[in-house]
Structure formats: C-alpha cells, structure tokens
C-alpha atoms as a PDB file:
ATOM      1  CA  UNK A   1      43.429  -2.956 -56.943  1.00  0.00           C
ATOM      2  CA  UNK A   2      40.652  -3.712 -54.467  1.00  0.00           C
ATOM      3  CA  UNK A   3      43.289  -4.543 -51.828  1.00  0.00           C
ATOM      4  CA  UNK A   4      44.697  -0.997 -52.113  1.00  0.00           C
ATOM      5  CA  UNK A   5      41.227   0.492 -51.669  1.00  0.00           C
ATOM      6  CA  UNK A   6      40.638  -1.631 -48.564  1.00  0.00           C
ATOM      7  CA  UNK A   7      44.036  -0.665 -47.131  1.00  0.00           C
ATOM      8  CA  UNK A   8      43.313   2.992 -47.852  1.00  0.00           C
ATOM      9  CA  UNK A   9      39.915   2.802 -46.111  1.00  0.00           C
ATOM     10  CA  UNK A  10      41.410   1.024 -43.087  1.00  0.00           C
ATOM     11  CA  UNK A  11      44.159   3.679 -42.813  1.00  0.00           C
ATOM     12  CA  UNK A  12      41.557   6.442 -43.082  1.00  0.00           C
ATOM     13  CA  UNK A  13      39.420   4.860 -40.335  1.00  0.00           C
ATOM     14  CA  UNK A  14      42.432   4.380 -38.039  1.00  0.00           C
ATOM     15  CA  UNK A  15      43.475   7.996 -38.668  1.00  0.00           C
ATOM     16  CA  UNK A  16      39.979   9.210 -37.827  1.00  0.00           C
ATOM     17  CA  UNK A  17      39.883   7.184 -34.584  1.00  0.00           C
ATOM     18  CA  UNK A  18      43.321   8.429 -33.487  1.00  0.00           C
ATOM     19  CA  UNK A  19      42.284  12.022 -34.244  1.00  0.00           C
ATOM     20  CA  UNK A  20      39.083  11.573 -32.240  1.00  0.00           C
ATOM     21  CA  UNK A  21      40.983  10.187 -29.244  1.00  0.00           C
ATOM     22  CA  UNK A  22      43.431  13.111 -29.335  1.00  0.00           C
ATOM     23  CA  UNK A  23      40.545  15.583 -29.539  1.00  0.00           C
ATOM     24  CA  UNK A  24      38.768  14.009 -26.547  1.00  0.00           C
ATOM     25  CA  UNK A  25      41.952  14.008 -24.431  1.00  0.00           C
ATOM     26  CA  UNK A  26      42.670  17.672 -25.250  1.00  0.00           C
ATOM     27  CA  UNK A  27      39.081  18.599 -24.470  1.00  0.00           C
ATOM     28  CA  UNK A  28      39.265  16.833 -21.081  1.00  0.00           C
ATOM     29  CA  UNK A  29      42.597  18.523 -20.306  1.00  0.00           C
ATOM     30  CA  UNK A  30      41.041  21.896 -21.187  1.00  0.00           C
ATOM     31  CA  UNK A  31      38.116  21.224 -18.822  1.00  0.00           C
ATOM     32  CA  UNK A  32      40.491  20.271 -15.981  1.00  0.00           C
ATOM     33  CA  UNK A  33      42.628  23.352 -16.586  1.00  0.00           C
ATOM     34  CA  UNK A  34      39.617  25.694 -16.672  1.00  0.00           C
ATOM     35  CA  UNK A  35      38.341  24.293 -13.374  1.00  0.00           C
ATOM     36  CA  UNK A  36      41.805  24.518 -11.775  1.00  0.00           C
ATOM     37  CA  UNK A  37      42.176  28.108 -12.958  1.00  0.00           C
ATOM     38  CA  UNK A  38      38.836  29.031 -11.386  1.00  0.00           C
ATOM     39  CA  UNK A  39      39.829  27.466  -8.046  1.00  0.00           C
ATOM     40  CA  UNK A  40      43.167  29.291  -7.957  1.00  0.00           C
ATOM     41  CA  UNK A  41      41.648  32.620  -9.081  1.00  0.00           C
ATOM     42  CA  UNK A  42      38.999  32.350  -6.350  1.00  0.00           C
ATOM     43  CA  UNK A  43      41.727  31.707  -3.743  1.00  0.00           C
ATOM     44  CA  UNK A  44      43.799  34.644  -4.985  1.00  0.00           C
ATOM     45  CA  UNK A  45      40.742  36.917  -5.004  1.00  0.00           C
ATOM     46  CA  UNK A  46      39.776  35.798  -1.495  1.00  0.00           C
ATOM     47  CA  UNK A  47      43.307  36.532  -0.292  1.00  0.00           C
ATOM     48  CA  UNK A  48      43.219  39.996  -1.891  1.00  0.00           C
ATOM     49  CA  UNK A  49      39.861  40.844  -0.322  1.00  0.00           C
ATOM     50  CA  UNK A  50      40.937  39.669   3.148  1.00  0.00           C
ATOM     51  CA  UNK A  51      44.388  41.289   3.048  1.00  0.00           C
ATOM     52  CA  UNK A  52      44.118  44.468   0.966  1.00  0.00           C
ATOM     53  CA  UNK A  53      46.789  46.514   2.783  1.00  0.00           C
ATOM     54  CA  UNK A  54      49.356  43.962   3.926  1.00  0.00           C
ATOM     55  CA  UNK A  55      52.701  44.965   2.434  1.00  0.00           C
ATOM     56  CA  UNK A  56      55.149  43.242   4.816  1.00  0.00           C
ATOM     57  CA  UNK A  57      54.639  39.663   3.561  1.00  0.00           C
ATOM     58  CA  UNK A  58      53.423  38.563   7.011  1.00  0.00           C
ATOM     59  CA  UNK A  59      50.596  36.706   5.294  1.00  0.00           C
ATOM     60  CA  UNK A  60      51.637  34.605   2.322  1.00  0.00           C
ATOM     61  CA  UNK A  61      49.394  34.687  -0.753  1.00  0.00           C
ATOM     62  CA  UNK A  62      48.043  31.425  -2.179  1.00  0.00           C
ATOM     63  CA  UNK A  63      50.297  29.679  -4.666  1.00  0.00           C
ATOM     64  CA  UNK A  64      49.582  30.282  -8.345  1.00  0.00           C
ATOM     65  CA  UNK A  65      51.114  26.885  -9.229  1.00  0.00           C
ATOM     66  CA  UNK A  66      49.617  23.825  -7.577  1.00  0.00           C
ATOM     67  CA  UNK A  67      49.069  20.123  -7.847  1.00  0.00           C
ATOM     68  CA  UNK A  68      45.375  19.641  -8.562  1.00  0.00           C
ATOM     69  CA  UNK A  69      43.278  16.497  -8.622  1.00  0.00           C
ATOM     70  CA  UNK A  70      40.618  15.539 -11.120  1.00  0.00           C
ATOM     71  CA  UNK A  71      38.197  12.827 -10.038  1.00  0.00           C
ATOM     72  CA  UNK A  72      35.931  11.058 -12.514  1.00  0.00           C
ATOM     73  CA  UNK A  73      33.191   9.058 -10.831  1.00  0.00           C
ATOM     74  CA  UNK A  74      31.401   6.294 -12.721  1.00  0.00           C
ATOM     75  CA  UNK A  75      28.409   4.335 -11.462  1.00  0.00           C
ATOM     76  CA  UNK A  76      25.211   2.947 -12.973  1.00  0.00           C
ATOM     77  CA  UNK A  77      26.137   4.169 -16.443  1.00  0.00           C
ATOM     78  CA  UNK A  78      26.616   7.788 -15.269  1.00  0.00           C
ATOM     79  CA  UNK A  79      29.869   9.699 -15.248  1.00  0.00           C
ATOM     80  CA  UNK A  80      30.697  12.917 -13.369  1.00  0.00           C
ATOM     81  CA  UNK A  81      34.017  14.753 -13.243  1.00  0.00           C
ATOM     82  CA  UNK A  82      35.265  17.158 -10.584  1.00  0.00           C
ATOM     83  CA  UNK A  83      38.459  19.119  -9.981  1.00  0.00           C
ATOM     84  CA  UNK A  84      39.735  19.883  -6.482  1.00  0.00           C
ATOM     85  CA  UNK A  85      42.699  21.410  -4.734  1.00  0.00           C
ATOM     86  CA  UNK A  86      43.858  18.473  -2.582  1.00  0.00           C
ATOM     87  CA  UNK A  87      45.460  20.923  -0.120  1.00  0.00           C
ATOM     88  CA  UNK A  88      41.861  21.426   1.000  1.00  0.00           C
ATOM     89  CA  UNK A  89      40.686  18.070   2.314  1.00  0.00           C
ATOM     90  CA  UNK A  90      38.202  16.268   0.024  1.00  0.00           C
ATOM     91  CA  UNK A  91      35.651  14.169   1.898  1.00  0.00           C
ATOM     92  CA  UNK A  92      33.805  11.300   0.239  1.00  0.00           C
ATOM     93  CA  UNK A  93      30.709   9.618   1.612  1.00  0.00           C
ATOM     94  CA  UNK A  94      26.947   9.547   1.928  1.00  0.00           C
ATOM     95  CA  UNK A  95      26.554  12.655   4.138  1.00  0.00           C
ATOM     96  CA  UNK A  96      25.571  15.972   2.508  1.00  0.00           C
ATOM     97  CA  UNK A  97      28.556  17.715   4.150  1.00  0.00           C
ATOM     98  CA  UNK A  98      31.032  15.821   1.949  1.00  0.00           C
ATOM     99  CA  UNK A  99      32.535  17.345  -1.191  1.00  0.00           C
ATOM    100  CA  UNK A 100      31.741  14.133  -3.065  1.00  0.00           C
ATOM    101  CA  UNK A 101      28.394  12.693  -2.057  1.00  0.00           C
ATOM    102  CA  UNK A 102      27.594   9.088  -2.889  1.00  0.00           C
ATOM    103  CA  UNK A 103      23.898   8.385  -2.452  1.00  0.00           C
ATOM    104  CA  UNK A 104      24.111   4.713  -1.607  1.00  0.00           C
ATOM    105  CA  UNK A 105      23.024   3.132   1.683  1.00  0.00           C
ATOM    106  CA  UNK A 106      25.999   0.745   1.559  1.00  0.00           C
ATOM    107  CA  UNK A 107      28.457   3.684   1.614  1.00  0.00           C
ATOM    108  CA  UNK A 108      29.348   5.172   4.997  1.00  0.00           C
ATOM    109  CA  UNK A 109      28.465   8.759   5.853  1.00  0.00           C
ATOM    110  CA  UNK A 110      32.186   9.603   5.900  1.00  0.00           C
ATOM    111  CA  UNK A 111      33.800   6.843   3.851  1.00  0.00           C
ATOM    112  CA  UNK A 112      37.120   8.372   2.856  1.00  0.00           C
ATOM    113  CA  UNK A 113      39.078  11.566   2.454  1.00  0.00           C
ATOM    114  CA  UNK A 114      41.770  12.748   0.072  1.00  0.00           C
ATOM    115  CA  UNK A 115      44.410  15.120   1.390  1.00  0.00           C
ATOM    116  CA  UNK A 116      48.023  16.271   0.958  1.00  0.00           C
ATOM    117  CA  UNK A 117      50.692  14.697   3.141  1.00  0.00           C
ATOM    118  CA  UNK A 118      54.454  14.835   2.799  1.00  0.00           C
ATOM    119  CA  UNK A 119      54.281  16.396  -0.646  1.00  0.00           C
ATOM    120  CA  UNK A 120      51.989  13.695  -2.022  1.00  0.00           C
ATOM    121  CA  UNK A 121      48.251  13.236  -2.401  1.00  0.00           C
ATOM    122  CA  UNK A 122      46.822  10.482  -0.192  1.00  0.00           C
ATOM    123  CA  UNK A 123      43.536   8.662   0.311  1.00  0.00           C
ATOM    124  CA  UNK A 124      42.487   7.681   3.814  1.00  0.00           C
ATOM    125  CA  UNK A 125      39.824   5.195   4.898  1.00  0.00           C
ATOM    126  CA  UNK A 126      38.139   7.082   7.751  1.00  0.00           C
ATOM    127  CA  UNK A 127      37.532   3.927   9.749  1.00  0.00           C
ATOM    128  CA  UNK A 128      34.479   2.551   8.061  1.00  0.00           C
ATOM    129  CA  UNK A 129      33.929  -1.167   7.725  1.00  0.00           C
ATOM    130  CA  UNK A 130      33.144  -0.770   4.042  1.00  0.00           C
ATOM    131  CA  UNK A 131      36.176  -1.566   1.921  1.00  0.00           C
ATOM    132  CA  UNK A 132      37.988   0.849  -0.324  1.00  0.00           C
ATOM    133  CA  UNK A 133      39.984  -0.820  -3.074  1.00  0.00           C
ATOM    134  CA  UNK A 134      42.848   0.953  -4.801  1.00  0.00           C
ATOM    135  CA  UNK A 135      43.544  -0.294  -8.319  1.00  0.00           C
ATOM    136  CA  UNK A 136      46.916   0.665  -9.778  1.00  0.00           C
ATOM    137  CA  UNK A 137      47.582  -0.848 -13.183  1.00  0.00           C
ATOM    138  CA  UNK A 138      47.135  -4.609 -12.961  1.00  0.00           C
ATOM    139  CA  UNK A 139      47.437  -4.746  -9.162  1.00  0.00           C
ATOM    140  CA  UNK A 140      44.939  -3.813  -6.477  1.00  0.00           C
ATOM    141  CA  UNK A 141      44.903  -3.543  -2.706  1.00  0.00           C
ATOM    142  CA  UNK A 142      42.327  -2.930  -0.012  1.00  0.00           C
ATOM    143  CA  UNK A 143      42.766   0.146   2.133  1.00  0.00           C
ATOM    144  CA  UNK A 144      41.872  -0.940   5.646  1.00  0.00           C
ATOM    145  CA  UNK A 145      40.077   1.265   8.200  1.00  0.00           C
ATOM    146  CA  UNK A 146      42.247   4.077   9.561  1.00  0.00           C
ATOM    147  CA  UNK A 147      44.818   3.437   6.820  1.00  0.00           C
ATOM    148  CA  UNK A 148      46.094   5.948   4.265  1.00  0.00           C
ATOM    149  CA  UNK A 149      47.779   5.349   0.948  1.00  0.00           C
ATOM    150  CA  UNK A 150      49.533   7.662  -1.501  1.00  0.00           C
ATOM    151  CA  UNK A 151      47.731   8.200  -4.812  1.00  0.00           C
ATOM    152  CA  UNK A 152      49.281   8.333  -8.271  1.00  0.00           C
ATOM    153  CA  UNK A 153      47.929   9.631 -11.540  1.00  0.00           C
ATOM    154  CA  UNK A 154      45.700   6.992 -13.116  1.00  0.00           C
ATOM    155  CA  UNK A 155      44.802   5.200  -9.875  1.00  0.00           C
ATOM    156  CA  UNK A 156      41.242   3.964  -9.500  1.00  0.00           C
ATOM    157  CA  UNK A 157      39.385   3.916  -6.191  1.00  0.00           C
ATOM    158  CA  UNK A 158      36.538   1.430  -5.844  1.00  0.00           C
ATOM    159  CA  UNK A 159      33.938   2.274  -3.220  1.00  0.00           C
ATOM    160  CA  UNK A 160      31.089  -0.213  -3.435  1.00  0.00           C
ATOM    161  CA  UNK A 161      29.706   0.135  -7.010  1.00  0.00           C
ATOM    162  CA  UNK A 162      31.459   3.470  -7.594  1.00  0.00           C
ATOM    163  CA  UNK A 163      34.621   3.729  -9.633  1.00  0.00           C
ATOM    164  CA  UNK A 164      36.657   6.918  -9.021  1.00  0.00           C
ATOM    165  CA  UNK A 165      39.496   7.579 -11.455  1.00  0.00           C
ATOM    166  CA  UNK A 166      42.268   9.866 -10.193  1.00  0.00           C
ATOM    167  CA  UNK A 167      43.942  12.450 -12.430  1.00  0.00           C
ATOM    168  CA  UNK A 168      46.789  14.370 -10.777  1.00  0.00           C
ATOM    169  CA  UNK A 169      48.106  17.369 -12.656  1.00  0.00           C
ATOM    170  CA  UNK A 170      50.052  20.559 -12.035  1.00  0.00           C
ATOM    171  CA  UNK A 171      48.403  23.821 -13.017  1.00  0.00           C
ATOM    172  CA  UNK A 172      50.169  27.171 -13.095  1.00  0.00           C
ATOM    173  CA  UNK A 173      47.870  30.144 -13.579  1.00  0.00           C
ATOM    174  CA  UNK A 174      50.792  32.183 -14.960  1.00  0.00           C
ATOM    175  CA  UNK A 175      51.629  29.668 -17.717  1.00  0.00           C
ATOM    176  CA  UNK A 176      48.364  28.480 -19.231  1.00  0.00           C
END
C-alpha cells in the first residue's frame, strides 16, 4: 500500500514539474511575441507617418511578418533578455553606441554584430582579437576576426564571461 502512495506522490511531483516547465516556456514565448509586435507596430507607424499620401506603391511598407531574434544574456548570475529585428544590424560590445552593451574591459568596443545575409541571420566578429565562440549542441567553434557565421535557433555565443543564447522565431502581426 505504501508503494502505491509513493508512486502517486512521484507522479504528482513529475506532473507539477512538467506543468511548470510548460508555463515558463509559454510565458517566455508571450514576452518574445509582445516585444516583436511592438517593434513591427513601431515600424508600421513610422512608415505611415513618413508616407501618409503615397498611393502608387513606390515606397514599400515594412513587412508585417518577420524573422525576429531573441537574445538572452547571462553573466555573473544575472540574466537579461532582448528582442530585435535582425534586418536592423545589432551591434555588441563595450561602447555605449551598441544595441547590446557589455561593460567589461576585456570586451572590445565593437566586438560583434548580428545581421541578415542571404535569408539567414549571421554573427560577425568585427575584427577584434577577443574570441567569440559559437556553441551549437555538443560542438563549438571559434569565430575568427573578420569572419561571419550563420546562426540557428538555440545557438549560444560566448564572449568572454558572457553567454548569449539565440532564439530565432517568426512573428506575424496579423496572426497572433
């Protein structure tokens, strides 16, 4: 009888943990989608304000469906998440002009950038001597200065003591 109680408790605990994991993943997805929606709405609004009377399609409006990138940065026990449109270059480094600023003297002022090329999202080492390591699953590779590499969902970039997890996703403002 006691065995059945133990089994029941273990099943209940496992069920609770699985439910918690699903809740956290949905919550993160919701945060990414809300941020992506804001970016796209701002672009559409900017287009409308700049081009209020253009009716001949000479200026194309921003796309309502785009590949977006979520970056989660972990270092020294802290975690920050950001969402970007990779069609607009994302600069990473120590300088205040970067979109992602890493306050660490061992990181170059302009360490890396993330951009769209050939239909994919790429990371580029801007020529610094500091290494950038790309971890993909069980394998990893160093991205040498002046070298770019295509990113995939789930990749991890290592810049000094900073771990940047890449989340690529498609967001369509018309089909939320």
